[in-house]
Structure formats: C-alpha cells, structure tokens
Amino acid sequence: MSYLIAIPAIIGALIVGLIIGFFVARKVFTRYLEKNPPINENMVRAMMSQMGRTPSEKQVRQVMNSMNAQKK
C-alpha cells in the first residue's frame, strides 16, 4: 500500500523539481547575458577593421540595431 503513495509522490517531486530548475536556470542565464553580452560595438568595429573596412559610426549602429531586432 505504501508503494501506491510513494511512486506518485516521487514523480510529483521530480516534476516540481524540473519546473523550479527550469525557472532558476533561465533567470541565471538571462543575468549572465545581461552582464556579458555576446557582442558589443567594439567587437563590431574590430570585425569590420579585420575585413579591411573603416567602419563609420552609422554602420556600427546599423549592425547593432539589426542584431538587437533579431533578439526580439
């Protein structure tokens, strides 16, 4: 009789743990990305310079705006 109570309790605890773990991991990951963005304006300038181009501020802003638009 105790197996009939223990098995659903274990399954329920696993489901609750997975849900809590998902939200905690998502929060940690979004904080990490806010502190360490994947690319910034200096990186865009460096990439353009390595390609042999002299980037203007307008070009850098266009690239950053297009990347930010892709996030949303």
C-alpha atoms as a PDB file:
ATOM      1  CA  MET A   1       0.000   0.000   0.000  1.00  0.00           C
ATOM      2  CA  SER A   2       2.873   2.378   0.696  1.00  0.00           C
ATOM      3  CA  TYR A   3       4.091   1.906  -2.897  1.00  0.00           C
ATOM      4  CA  LEU A   4       0.842   3.396  -4.159  1.00  0.00           C
ATOM      5  CA  ILE A   5       1.643   6.585  -2.253  1.00  0.00           C
ATOM      6  CA  ALA A   6       5.423   6.654  -2.723  1.00  0.00           C
ATOM      7  CA  ILE A   7       5.553   6.325  -6.526  1.00  0.00           C
ATOM      8  CA  PRO A   8       3.222   9.289  -7.306  1.00  0.00           C
ATOM      9  CA  ALA A   9       4.977  11.352  -4.616  1.00  0.00           C
ATOM     10  CA  ILE A  10       8.375  10.699  -6.214  1.00  0.00           C
ATOM     11  CA  ILE A  11       7.053  11.507  -9.682  1.00  0.00           C
ATOM     12  CA  GLY A  12       5.414  14.678  -8.371  1.00  0.00           C
ATOM     13  CA  ALA A  13       8.626  15.755  -6.646  1.00  0.00           C
ATOM     14  CA  LEU A  14      10.589  15.199  -9.882  1.00  0.00           C
ATOM     15  CA  ILE A  15       8.130  17.284 -11.880  1.00  0.00           C
ATOM     16  CA  VAL A  16       8.191  20.113  -9.338  1.00  0.00           C
ATOM     17  CA  GLY A  17      11.997  19.973  -9.264  1.00  0.00           C
ATOM     18  CA  LEU A  18      12.198  20.171 -13.046  1.00  0.00           C
ATOM     19  CA  ILE A  19       9.871  23.168 -13.150  1.00  0.00           C
ATOM     20  CA  ILE A  20      11.773  25.034 -10.430  1.00  0.00           C
ATOM     21  CA  GLY A  21      15.102  24.136 -12.041  1.00  0.00           C
ATOM     22  CA  PHE A  22      13.928  25.467 -15.400  1.00  0.00           C
ATOM     23  CA  PHE A  23      12.974  28.859 -13.995  1.00  0.00           C
ATOM     24  CA  VAL A  24      16.139  29.175 -11.911  1.00  0.00           C
ATOM     25  CA  ALA A  25      18.347  28.262 -14.889  1.00  0.00           C
ATOM     26  CA  ARG A  26      16.515  30.729 -17.126  1.00  0.00           C
ATOM     27  CA  LYS A  27      16.974  33.540 -14.595  1.00  0.00           C
ATOM     28  CA  VAL A  28      20.687  32.782 -14.156  1.00  0.00           C
ATOM     29  CA  PHE A  29      21.228  32.649 -17.924  1.00  0.00           C
ATOM     30  CA  THR A  30      19.464  35.961 -18.574  1.00  0.00           C
ATOM     31  CA  ARG A  31      21.531  37.653 -15.843  1.00  0.00           C
ATOM     32  CA  TYR A  32      24.709  36.236 -17.387  1.00  0.00           C
ATOM     33  CA  LEU A  33      23.772  37.553 -20.830  1.00  0.00           C
ATOM     34  CA  GLU A  34      22.982  40.992 -19.406  1.00  0.00           C
ATOM     35  CA  LYS A  35      26.392  41.191 -17.734  1.00  0.00           C
ATOM     36  CA  ASN A  36      28.292  39.609 -20.649  1.00  0.00           C
ATOM     37  CA  PRO A  37      26.557  40.457 -23.914  1.00  0.00           C
ATOM     38  CA  PRO A  38      27.521  38.209 -26.804  1.00  0.00           C
ATOM     39  CA  ILE A  39      28.717  41.122 -28.969  1.00  0.00           C
ATOM     40  CA  ASN A  40      29.155  44.842 -28.497  1.00  0.00           C
ATOM     41  CA  GLU A  41      30.072  47.869 -30.597  1.00  0.00           C
ATOM     42  CA  ASN A  42      33.814  47.428 -30.104  1.00  0.00           C
ATOM     43  CA  MET A  43      33.614  43.873 -31.397  1.00  0.00           C
ATOM     44  CA  VAL A  44      31.716  45.055 -34.482  1.00  0.00           C
ATOM     45  CA  ARG A  45      34.372  47.697 -35.146  1.00  0.00           C
ATOM     46  CA  ALA A  46      37.133  45.101 -34.756  1.00  0.00           C
ATOM     47  CA  MET A  47      35.410  42.705 -37.168  1.00  0.00           C
ATOM     48  CA  MET A  48      34.968  45.421 -39.779  1.00  0.00           C
ATOM     49  CA  SER A  49      38.579  46.522 -39.355  1.00  0.00           C
ATOM     50  CA  GLN A  50      39.800  42.967 -39.838  1.00  0.00           C
ATOM     51  CA  MET A  51      37.808  42.795 -43.070  1.00  0.00           C
ATOM     52  CA  GLY A  52      39.708  45.847 -44.311  1.00  0.00           C
ATOM     53  CA  ARG A  53      36.883  48.328 -43.834  1.00  0.00           C
ATOM     54  CA  THR A  54      36.923  51.521 -41.840  1.00  0.00           C
ATOM     55  CA  PRO A  55      33.544  51.449 -40.109  1.00  0.00           C
ATOM     56  CA  SER A  56      31.625  54.651 -39.615  1.00  0.00           C
ATOM     57  CA  GLU A  57      29.536  55.176 -36.506  1.00  0.00           C
ATOM     58  CA  LYS A  58      26.399  54.878 -38.626  1.00  0.00           C
ATOM     59  CA  GLN A  59      27.434  51.439 -39.917  1.00  0.00           C
ATOM     60  CA  VAL A  60      28.216  50.222 -36.415  1.00  0.00           C
ATOM     61  CA  ARG A  61      24.845  51.453 -35.136  1.00  0.00           C
ATOM     62  CA  GLN A  62      23.060  49.753 -38.058  1.00  0.00           C
ATOM     63  CA  VAL A  63      24.708  46.427 -37.266  1.00  0.00           C
ATOM     64  CA  MET A  64      23.895  46.720 -33.558  1.00  0.00           C
ATOM     65  CA  ASN A  65      20.279  47.713 -34.269  1.00  0.00           C
ATOM     66  CA  SER A  66      19.821  44.787 -36.644  1.00  0.00           C
ATOM     67  CA  MET A  67      21.254  42.403 -34.055  1.00  0.00           C
ATOM     68  CA  ASN A  68      19.003  43.810 -31.320  1.00  0.00           C
ATOM     69  CA  ALA A  69      15.997  43.499 -33.626  1.00  0.00           C
ATOM     70  CA  GLN A  70      16.780  39.801 -34.124  1.00  0.00           C
ATOM     71  CA  LYS A  71      16.659  39.218 -30.351  1.00  0.00           C
ATOM     72  CA  LYS A  72      13.070  40.421 -30.073  1.00  0.00           C
END
